[in-house]
Amino acid sequence: MSSIALMPADHRPNIMFMWHGARNNDQSILESGLEPMYGNSKPYGVWLHHMADYSAASFASTHDDGTKTMFLVRAATGVHGRDDGTGRRARPFGEEETLNSGVRGAGGKLATCHAFSQPSFVDGRVVMYDKGLTFPAYVVRFF
């Protein structure tokens, strides 16, 4: 069972713990937090996953002593949606007619994050767009 849940109908913040591999950028995150503006994969933002092994396999930082580190992040994922093609914003799921209308800015409503699969979240990846919604709660070191 995934720790990812659909956004509740009453629109609470939907706070959950998710994993982030920093690719040897740990110190910057410890000093400045997670910075969505420096994301280099589209959609741009902070990429998180609900399964540790996904983040550990390719994205964990490596150290001289053979250990690796990654972050356990507290994220307020809020309203889940799909990127609208800009790589910087998402429209809430269920607004496909707005996404496909061809009208720039149609609908006006934005989601908090981009989720890759809906409604099952079997994929598990979430991209957060806003810095204030992610907090690196723990650095986890492992072999």
N, C-alpha and C. Protein backbone atom coordinates (compact mmCIF):
# COMPACT_ATOMS: atom_id res chain seq x y z
N MET A 1 0.83 -1.18 0.00
CA MET A 1 0.00 0.00 0.00
C MET A 1 0.88 1.24 0.00
N SER A 2 0.58 2.17 -0.82
CA SER A 2 1.35 3.39 -0.95
C SER A 2 1.01 4.38 0.16
N SER A 3 1.99 5.23 0.51
CA SER A 3 1.72 6.31 1.46
C SER A 3 1.08 7.49 0.76
N ILE A 4 1.00 7.45 -0.56
CA ILE A 4 0.35 8.51 -1.32
C ILE A 4 -1.15 8.32 -1.23
N ALA A 5 -1.85 9.38 -0.99
CA ALA A 5 -3.30 9.32 -0.92
C ALA A 5 -3.90 10.40 -1.80
N LEU A 6 -5.08 10.16 -2.28
CA LEU A 6 -5.77 11.19 -3.06
C LEU A 6 -6.08 12.38 -2.17
N MET A 7 -6.13 13.56 -2.77
CA MET A 7 -6.47 14.75 -2.01
C MET A 7 -7.87 14.60 -1.45
N PRO A 8 -8.04 14.77 -0.14
CA PRO A 8 -9.37 14.65 0.44
C PRO A 8 -10.31 15.73 -0.10
N ALA A 9 -11.58 15.42 -0.07
CA ALA A 9 -12.59 16.33 -0.62
C ALA A 9 -12.59 17.68 0.09
N ASP A 10 -12.19 17.72 1.36
CA ASP A 10 -12.21 18.99 2.09
C ASP A 10 -10.93 19.80 1.88
N HIS A 11 -10.03 19.35 1.01
CA HIS A 11 -8.83 20.08 0.59
C HIS A 11 -7.87 20.44 1.72
N ARG A 12 -7.67 19.51 2.64
CA ARG A 12 -6.62 19.71 3.65
C ARG A 12 -5.26 19.64 2.95
N PRO A 13 -4.18 20.01 3.62
CA PRO A 13 -2.88 20.08 2.96
C PRO A 13 -2.33 18.76 2.44
N ASN A 14 -2.86 17.61 2.88
CA ASN A 14 -2.40 16.31 2.40
C ASN A 14 -0.91 16.14 2.65
N ILE A 15 -0.51 16.28 3.91
CA ILE A 15 0.90 16.21 4.30
C ILE A 15 1.33 14.76 4.39
N MET A 16 2.49 14.46 3.78
CA MET A 16 3.02 13.11 3.81
C MET A 16 4.54 13.15 3.78
N PHE A 17 5.15 12.06 4.23
CA PHE A 17 6.59 11.91 4.14
C PHE A 17 6.94 11.19 2.85
N MET A 18 7.92 11.75 2.13
CA MET A 18 8.36 11.17 0.86
C MET A 18 9.88 11.28 0.78
N TRP A 19 10.49 10.56 -0.14
CA TRP A 19 11.94 10.49 -0.27
C TRP A 19 12.46 11.37 -1.40
N HIS A 20 13.68 11.93 -1.16
CA HIS A 20 14.34 12.75 -2.18
C HIS A 20 15.83 12.42 -2.18
N GLY A 21 16.34 12.00 -3.32
CA GLY A 21 17.78 11.79 -3.49
C GLY A 21 18.39 13.05 -4.07
N ALA A 22 19.44 13.56 -3.44
CA ALA A 22 19.98 14.88 -3.80
C ALA A 22 21.12 14.84 -4.80
N ARG A 23 21.54 13.67 -5.23
CA ARG A 23 22.63 13.56 -6.23
C ARG A 23 23.84 14.40 -5.82
N ASN A 24 24.33 14.17 -4.61
CA ASN A 24 25.52 14.84 -4.08
C ASN A 24 25.35 16.35 -3.91
N ASN A 25 24.15 16.78 -3.65
CA ASN A 25 23.85 18.19 -3.41
C ASN A 25 23.32 18.39 -1.98
N ASP A 26 23.71 17.51 -1.07
CA ASP A 26 23.20 17.53 0.30
C ASP A 26 23.46 18.86 1.01
N GLN A 27 24.69 19.36 0.92
CA GLN A 27 25.05 20.56 1.68
C GLN A 27 24.18 21.75 1.29
N SER A 28 23.92 21.92 0.02
CA SER A 28 23.06 23.02 -0.44
C SER A 28 21.66 22.90 0.14
N ILE A 29 21.14 21.68 0.19
CA ILE A 29 19.80 21.47 0.75
C ILE A 29 19.79 21.74 2.25
N LEU A 30 20.84 21.32 2.94
CA LEU A 30 20.93 21.58 4.38
C LEU A 30 21.02 23.07 4.68
N GLU A 31 21.67 23.83 3.81
CA GLU A 31 21.83 25.27 4.01
C GLU A 31 20.62 26.08 3.55
N SER A 32 20.01 25.69 2.43
CA SER A 32 18.96 26.52 1.82
C SER A 32 17.61 25.86 1.67
N GLY A 33 17.51 24.58 2.00
CA GLY A 33 16.25 23.87 1.81
C GLY A 33 16.14 23.36 0.38
N LEU A 34 15.01 22.79 0.07
CA LEU A 34 14.76 22.27 -1.27
C LEU A 34 14.30 23.40 -2.17
N GLU A 35 14.99 23.60 -3.27
CA GLU A 35 14.75 24.73 -4.17
C GLU A 35 14.14 24.26 -5.49
N PRO A 36 12.83 24.37 -5.65
CA PRO A 36 12.19 23.94 -6.90
C PRO A 36 12.72 24.64 -8.15
N MET A 37 13.20 25.86 -8.00
CA MET A 37 13.65 26.62 -9.18
C MET A 37 14.90 26.03 -9.80
N TYR A 38 15.62 25.15 -9.09
CA TYR A 38 16.82 24.56 -9.65
C TYR A 38 16.58 23.17 -10.25
N GLY A 39 15.33 22.74 -10.30
CA GLY A 39 15.03 21.44 -10.91
C GLY A 39 15.47 21.43 -12.36
N ASN A 40 16.08 20.32 -12.81
CA ASN A 40 16.55 20.28 -14.19
C ASN A 40 15.89 19.19 -15.01
N SER A 41 14.81 18.62 -14.50
CA SER A 41 14.03 17.64 -15.25
C SER A 41 12.60 18.14 -15.35
N LYS A 42 12.02 18.04 -16.53
CA LYS A 42 10.66 18.54 -16.72
C LYS A 42 9.66 17.48 -16.27
N PRO A 43 8.63 17.81 -15.49
CA PRO A 43 8.35 19.14 -14.95
C PRO A 43 9.38 19.55 -13.91
N TYR A 44 9.71 20.83 -13.89
CA TYR A 44 10.75 21.36 -13.04
C TYR A 44 10.24 21.55 -11.61
N GLY A 45 11.01 21.11 -10.66
CA GLY A 45 10.63 21.24 -9.25
C GLY A 45 11.37 20.23 -8.42
N VAL A 46 10.88 20.00 -7.22
CA VAL A 46 11.48 19.02 -6.31
C VAL A 46 10.78 17.69 -6.54
N TRP A 47 11.55 16.71 -6.99
CA TRP A 47 11.01 15.38 -7.28
C TRP A 47 11.06 14.54 -6.01
N LEU A 48 9.95 13.92 -5.67
CA LEU A 48 9.83 13.09 -4.48
C LEU A 48 9.23 11.74 -4.88
N HIS A 49 9.46 10.74 -4.04
CA HIS A 49 8.88 9.43 -4.29
C HIS A 49 8.45 8.82 -2.96
N HIS A 50 7.39 8.03 -2.98
CA HIS A 50 6.91 7.43 -1.74
C HIS A 50 7.68 6.18 -1.35
N MET A 51 8.53 5.64 -2.25
CA MET A 51 9.32 4.45 -1.93
C MET A 51 10.81 4.80 -1.85
N ALA A 52 11.44 4.44 -0.75
CA ALA A 52 12.85 4.76 -0.54
C ALA A 52 13.74 4.16 -1.62
N ASP A 53 13.44 2.94 -2.05
CA ASP A 53 14.33 2.27 -3.00
C ASP A 53 14.40 2.99 -4.35
N TYR A 54 13.33 3.68 -4.74
CA TYR A 54 13.36 4.44 -5.99
C TYR A 54 14.39 5.57 -5.89
N SER A 55 14.30 6.35 -4.82
CA SER A 55 15.22 7.47 -4.63
C SER A 55 16.64 6.98 -4.39
N ALA A 56 16.80 5.88 -3.67
CA ALA A 56 18.12 5.36 -3.33
C ALA A 56 18.85 4.80 -4.55
N ALA A 57 18.13 4.16 -5.45
CA ALA A 57 18.75 3.45 -6.57
C ALA A 57 19.54 4.37 -7.50
N SER A 58 19.02 5.53 -7.81
CA SER A 58 19.67 6.40 -8.80
C SER A 58 19.99 7.80 -8.33
N PHE A 59 19.42 8.21 -7.21
CA PHE A 59 19.51 9.62 -6.85
C PHE A 59 20.17 9.90 -5.51
N ALA A 60 20.50 8.87 -4.75
CA ALA A 60 21.14 9.08 -3.44
C ALA A 60 22.54 9.65 -3.63
N SER A 61 22.96 10.48 -2.69
CA SER A 61 24.32 11.00 -2.69
C SER A 61 25.27 9.91 -2.23
N THR A 62 26.48 9.87 -2.79
CA THR A 62 27.47 8.86 -2.40
C THR A 62 28.62 9.55 -1.67
N HIS A 63 29.22 8.83 -0.72
CA HIS A 63 30.29 9.39 0.12
C HIS A 63 31.52 8.50 0.07
N ASP A 64 32.68 9.09 0.44
CA ASP A 64 33.97 8.39 0.37
C ASP A 64 34.01 7.11 1.20
N ASP A 65 33.24 7.07 2.29
CA ASP A 65 33.27 5.88 3.15
C ASP A 65 32.35 4.76 2.64
N GLY A 66 31.76 4.95 1.46
CA GLY A 66 30.89 3.94 0.88
C GLY A 66 29.43 4.07 1.26
N THR A 67 29.11 5.02 2.13
CA THR A 67 27.72 5.23 2.51
C THR A 67 27.02 6.11 1.49
N LYS A 68 25.71 6.12 1.57
CA LYS A 68 24.87 6.98 0.74
C LYS A 68 23.92 7.74 1.66
N THR A 69 23.41 8.86 1.16
CA THR A 69 22.41 9.63 1.92
C THR A 69 21.29 10.06 1.00
N MET A 70 20.13 10.20 1.59
CA MET A 70 18.99 10.82 0.93
C MET A 70 18.13 11.46 2.01
N PHE A 71 17.17 12.26 1.59
CA PHE A 71 16.34 13.02 2.51
C PHE A 71 14.96 12.39 2.64
N LEU A 72 14.47 12.36 3.86
CA LEU A 72 13.06 12.06 4.10
C LEU A 72 12.40 13.42 4.26
N VAL A 73 11.51 13.74 3.34
CA VAL A 73 10.94 15.08 3.21
C VAL A 73 9.49 15.09 3.65
N ARG A 74 9.14 16.08 4.45
CA ARG A 74 7.74 16.30 4.79
C ARG A 74 7.17 17.25 3.74
N ALA A 75 6.18 16.77 3.01
CA ALA A 75 5.65 17.55 1.89
C ALA A 75 4.14 17.76 2.05
N ALA A 76 3.71 18.99 1.87
CA ALA A 76 2.29 19.31 1.83
C ALA A 76 1.88 19.25 0.37
N THR A 77 1.49 18.05 -0.09
CA THR A 77 1.24 17.85 -1.52
C THR A 77 -0.06 18.49 -1.99
N GLY A 78 -0.97 18.81 -1.09
CA GLY A 78 -2.17 19.56 -1.45
C GLY A 78 -2.97 18.94 -2.56
N VAL A 79 -3.34 19.76 -3.54
CA VAL A 79 -4.16 19.32 -4.67
C VAL A 79 -3.25 18.71 -5.73
N HIS A 80 -3.48 17.45 -6.04
CA HIS A 80 -2.68 16.76 -7.05
C HIS A 80 -3.20 17.08 -8.44
N GLY A 81 -2.27 17.19 -9.39
CA GLY A 81 -2.66 17.49 -10.75
C GLY A 81 -1.63 17.01 -11.74
N ARG A 82 -1.75 17.48 -12.96
CA ARG A 82 -0.86 17.10 -14.06
C ARG A 82 -0.29 18.39 -14.66
N ASP A 83 1.01 18.37 -14.98
CA ASP A 83 1.66 19.53 -15.57
C ASP A 83 0.92 19.94 -16.84
N ASP A 84 0.78 21.25 -17.03
CA ASP A 84 0.02 21.74 -18.18
C ASP A 84 0.88 21.95 -19.43
N GLY A 85 2.10 21.42 -19.40
CA GLY A 85 2.98 21.54 -20.55
C GLY A 85 4.07 22.59 -20.38
N THR A 86 3.94 23.44 -19.40
CA THR A 86 4.93 24.48 -19.16
C THR A 86 6.13 23.96 -18.38
N GLY A 87 5.94 22.86 -17.64
CA GLY A 87 6.99 22.35 -16.79
C GLY A 87 7.08 23.06 -15.46
N ARG A 88 6.21 24.04 -15.23
CA ARG A 88 6.26 24.84 -14.00
C ARG A 88 4.94 24.93 -13.25
N ARG A 89 3.88 24.36 -13.78
CA ARG A 89 2.59 24.44 -13.07
C ARG A 89 1.71 23.26 -13.49
N ALA A 90 0.78 22.93 -12.61
CA ALA A 90 -0.11 21.80 -12.87
C ALA A 90 -1.56 22.23 -12.72
N ARG A 91 -2.40 21.56 -13.47
CA ARG A 91 -3.86 21.75 -13.35
C ARG A 91 -4.40 20.56 -12.58
N PRO A 92 -5.38 20.78 -11.71
CA PRO A 92 -5.94 19.65 -10.93
C PRO A 92 -6.49 18.56 -11.83
N PHE A 93 -6.35 17.30 -11.37
CA PHE A 93 -6.95 16.19 -12.10
C PHE A 93 -8.44 16.44 -12.22
N GLY A 94 -9.02 16.00 -13.33
CA GLY A 94 -10.44 16.22 -13.58
C GLY A 94 -10.69 17.45 -14.42
N GLU A 95 -9.65 18.20 -14.75
CA GLU A 95 -9.81 19.40 -15.57
C GLU A 95 -9.22 19.20 -16.97
N GLU A 96 -9.31 17.95 -17.48
CA GLU A 96 -8.75 17.67 -18.79
C GLU A 96 -9.38 18.54 -19.88
N GLU A 97 -10.66 18.84 -19.71
CA GLU A 97 -11.29 19.69 -20.71
C GLU A 97 -10.65 21.07 -20.73
N THR A 98 -10.21 21.55 -19.57
CA THR A 98 -9.52 22.84 -19.50
C THR A 98 -8.15 22.72 -20.14
N LEU A 99 -7.44 21.62 -19.83
CA LEU A 99 -6.11 21.42 -20.39
C LEU A 99 -6.13 21.33 -21.90
N ASN A 100 -7.18 20.74 -22.45
CA ASN A 100 -7.25 20.51 -23.89
C ASN A 100 -8.02 21.59 -24.64
N SER A 101 -8.42 22.64 -23.95
CA SER A 101 -9.26 23.66 -24.59
C SER A 101 -8.48 24.53 -25.56
N GLY A 102 -7.15 24.57 -25.40
CA GLY A 102 -6.35 25.42 -26.28
C GLY A 102 -6.38 26.88 -25.86
N VAL A 103 -7.10 27.20 -24.80
CA VAL A 103 -7.18 28.58 -24.33
C VAL A 103 -6.12 28.78 -23.26
N ARG A 104 -5.19 29.68 -23.52
CA ARG A 104 -4.11 29.92 -22.57
C ARG A 104 -4.68 30.45 -21.26
N GLY A 105 -4.30 29.78 -20.15
CA GLY A 105 -4.76 30.21 -18.84
C GLY A 105 -6.19 29.82 -18.54
N ALA A 106 -6.77 28.97 -19.35
CA ALA A 106 -8.16 28.57 -19.14
C ALA A 106 -8.32 27.93 -17.77
N GLY A 107 -9.38 28.23 -17.11
CA GLY A 107 -9.68 27.63 -15.81
C GLY A 107 -9.12 28.41 -14.65
N GLY A 108 -7.89 28.84 -14.72
CA GLY A 108 -7.30 29.66 -13.68
C GLY A 108 -6.93 28.93 -12.40
N LYS A 109 -7.32 27.68 -12.26
CA LYS A 109 -7.06 26.94 -11.03
C LYS A 109 -5.80 26.12 -11.20
N LEU A 110 -4.89 26.16 -10.20
CA LEU A 110 -3.66 25.40 -10.26
C LEU A 110 -3.62 24.35 -9.16
N ALA A 111 -2.94 23.25 -9.45
CA ALA A 111 -2.71 22.22 -8.44
C ALA A 111 -1.41 22.55 -7.71
N THR A 112 -1.20 21.91 -6.57
CA THR A 112 -0.01 22.14 -5.77
C THR A 112 1.19 21.36 -6.31
N CYS A 113 0.93 20.19 -6.89
CA CYS A 113 2.03 19.35 -7.36
C CYS A 113 1.60 18.58 -8.60
N HIS A 114 2.60 18.03 -9.28
CA HIS A 114 2.37 17.16 -10.42
C HIS A 114 2.52 15.72 -9.94
N ALA A 115 1.50 14.91 -10.13
CA ALA A 115 1.54 13.49 -9.78
C ALA A 115 1.49 12.70 -11.08
N PHE A 116 2.36 11.71 -11.22
CA PHE A 116 2.50 11.02 -12.50
C PHE A 116 1.41 10.01 -12.81
N SER A 117 0.74 9.50 -11.82
CA SER A 117 -0.33 8.54 -12.10
C SER A 117 -1.50 8.78 -11.17
N GLN A 118 -2.67 8.67 -11.70
CA GLN A 118 -3.89 8.96 -10.97
C GLN A 118 -4.93 7.95 -11.42
N PRO A 119 -5.75 7.33 -10.61
CA PRO A 119 -5.84 7.59 -9.17
C PRO A 119 -5.01 6.65 -8.31
N SER A 120 -4.28 5.70 -8.87
CA SER A 120 -3.64 4.67 -8.06
C SER A 120 -2.30 5.10 -7.48
N PHE A 121 -1.62 6.06 -8.07
CA PHE A 121 -0.28 6.49 -7.67
C PHE A 121 0.70 5.34 -7.66
N VAL A 122 0.45 4.34 -8.54
CA VAL A 122 1.36 3.21 -8.64
C VAL A 122 2.75 3.68 -9.04
N ASP A 123 2.84 4.76 -9.80
CA ASP A 123 4.12 5.33 -10.20
C ASP A 123 4.87 5.88 -9.00
N GLY A 124 4.21 6.61 -8.13
CA GLY A 124 4.79 7.08 -6.88
C GLY A 124 5.54 8.39 -6.93
N ARG A 125 5.82 8.92 -8.12
CA ARG A 125 6.57 10.18 -8.20
C ARG A 125 5.63 11.38 -8.08
N VAL A 126 6.12 12.39 -7.38
CA VAL A 126 5.41 13.66 -7.24
C VAL A 126 6.44 14.76 -7.43
N VAL A 127 6.08 15.82 -8.15
CA VAL A 127 6.96 16.97 -8.33
C VAL A 127 6.31 18.16 -7.65
N MET A 128 7.02 18.74 -6.69
CA MET A 128 6.51 19.91 -5.95
C MET A 128 7.05 21.18 -6.59
N TYR A 129 6.18 22.17 -6.75
CA TYR A 129 6.55 23.41 -7.42
C TYR A 129 6.93 24.54 -6.46
N ASP A 130 6.44 24.50 -5.23
CA ASP A 130 6.63 25.62 -4.30
C ASP A 130 7.56 25.24 -3.15
N LYS A 131 8.56 26.07 -2.90
CA LYS A 131 9.54 25.79 -1.85
C LYS A 131 8.90 25.65 -0.48
N GLY A 132 7.96 26.46 -0.16
CA GLY A 132 7.35 26.45 1.16
C GLY A 132 6.54 25.21 1.49
N LEU A 133 6.40 24.30 0.54
CA LEU A 133 5.58 23.11 0.75
C LEU A 133 6.42 21.85 0.98
N THR A 134 7.75 21.99 0.99
CA THR A 134 8.63 20.85 1.23
C THR A 134 9.62 21.19 2.34
N PHE A 135 9.79 20.26 3.27
CA PHE A 135 10.72 20.47 4.37
C PHE A 135 11.58 19.22 4.53
N PRO A 136 12.91 19.34 4.33
CA PRO A 136 13.79 18.18 4.51
C PRO A 136 13.89 17.83 5.99
N ALA A 137 13.09 16.88 6.43
CA ALA A 137 12.97 16.57 7.85
C ALA A 137 14.15 15.76 8.38
N TYR A 138 14.65 14.79 7.60
CA TYR A 138 15.73 13.91 8.04
C TYR A 138 16.70 13.64 6.90
N VAL A 139 17.99 13.50 7.27
CA VAL A 139 18.98 12.97 6.34
C VAL A 139 19.21 11.53 6.77
N VAL A 140 19.01 10.61 5.86
CA VAL A 140 19.15 9.20 6.16
C VAL A 140 20.44 8.68 5.51
N ARG A 141 21.34 8.11 6.32
CA ARG A 141 22.61 7.57 5.82
C ARG A 141 22.53 6.04 5.86
N PHE A 142 22.98 5.41 4.79
CA PHE A 142 22.87 3.95 4.69
C PHE A 142 23.99 3.40 3.81
N PHE A 143 24.18 2.08 3.82
CA PHE A 143 25.15 1.41 2.95
C PHE A 143 24.46 0.87 1.74
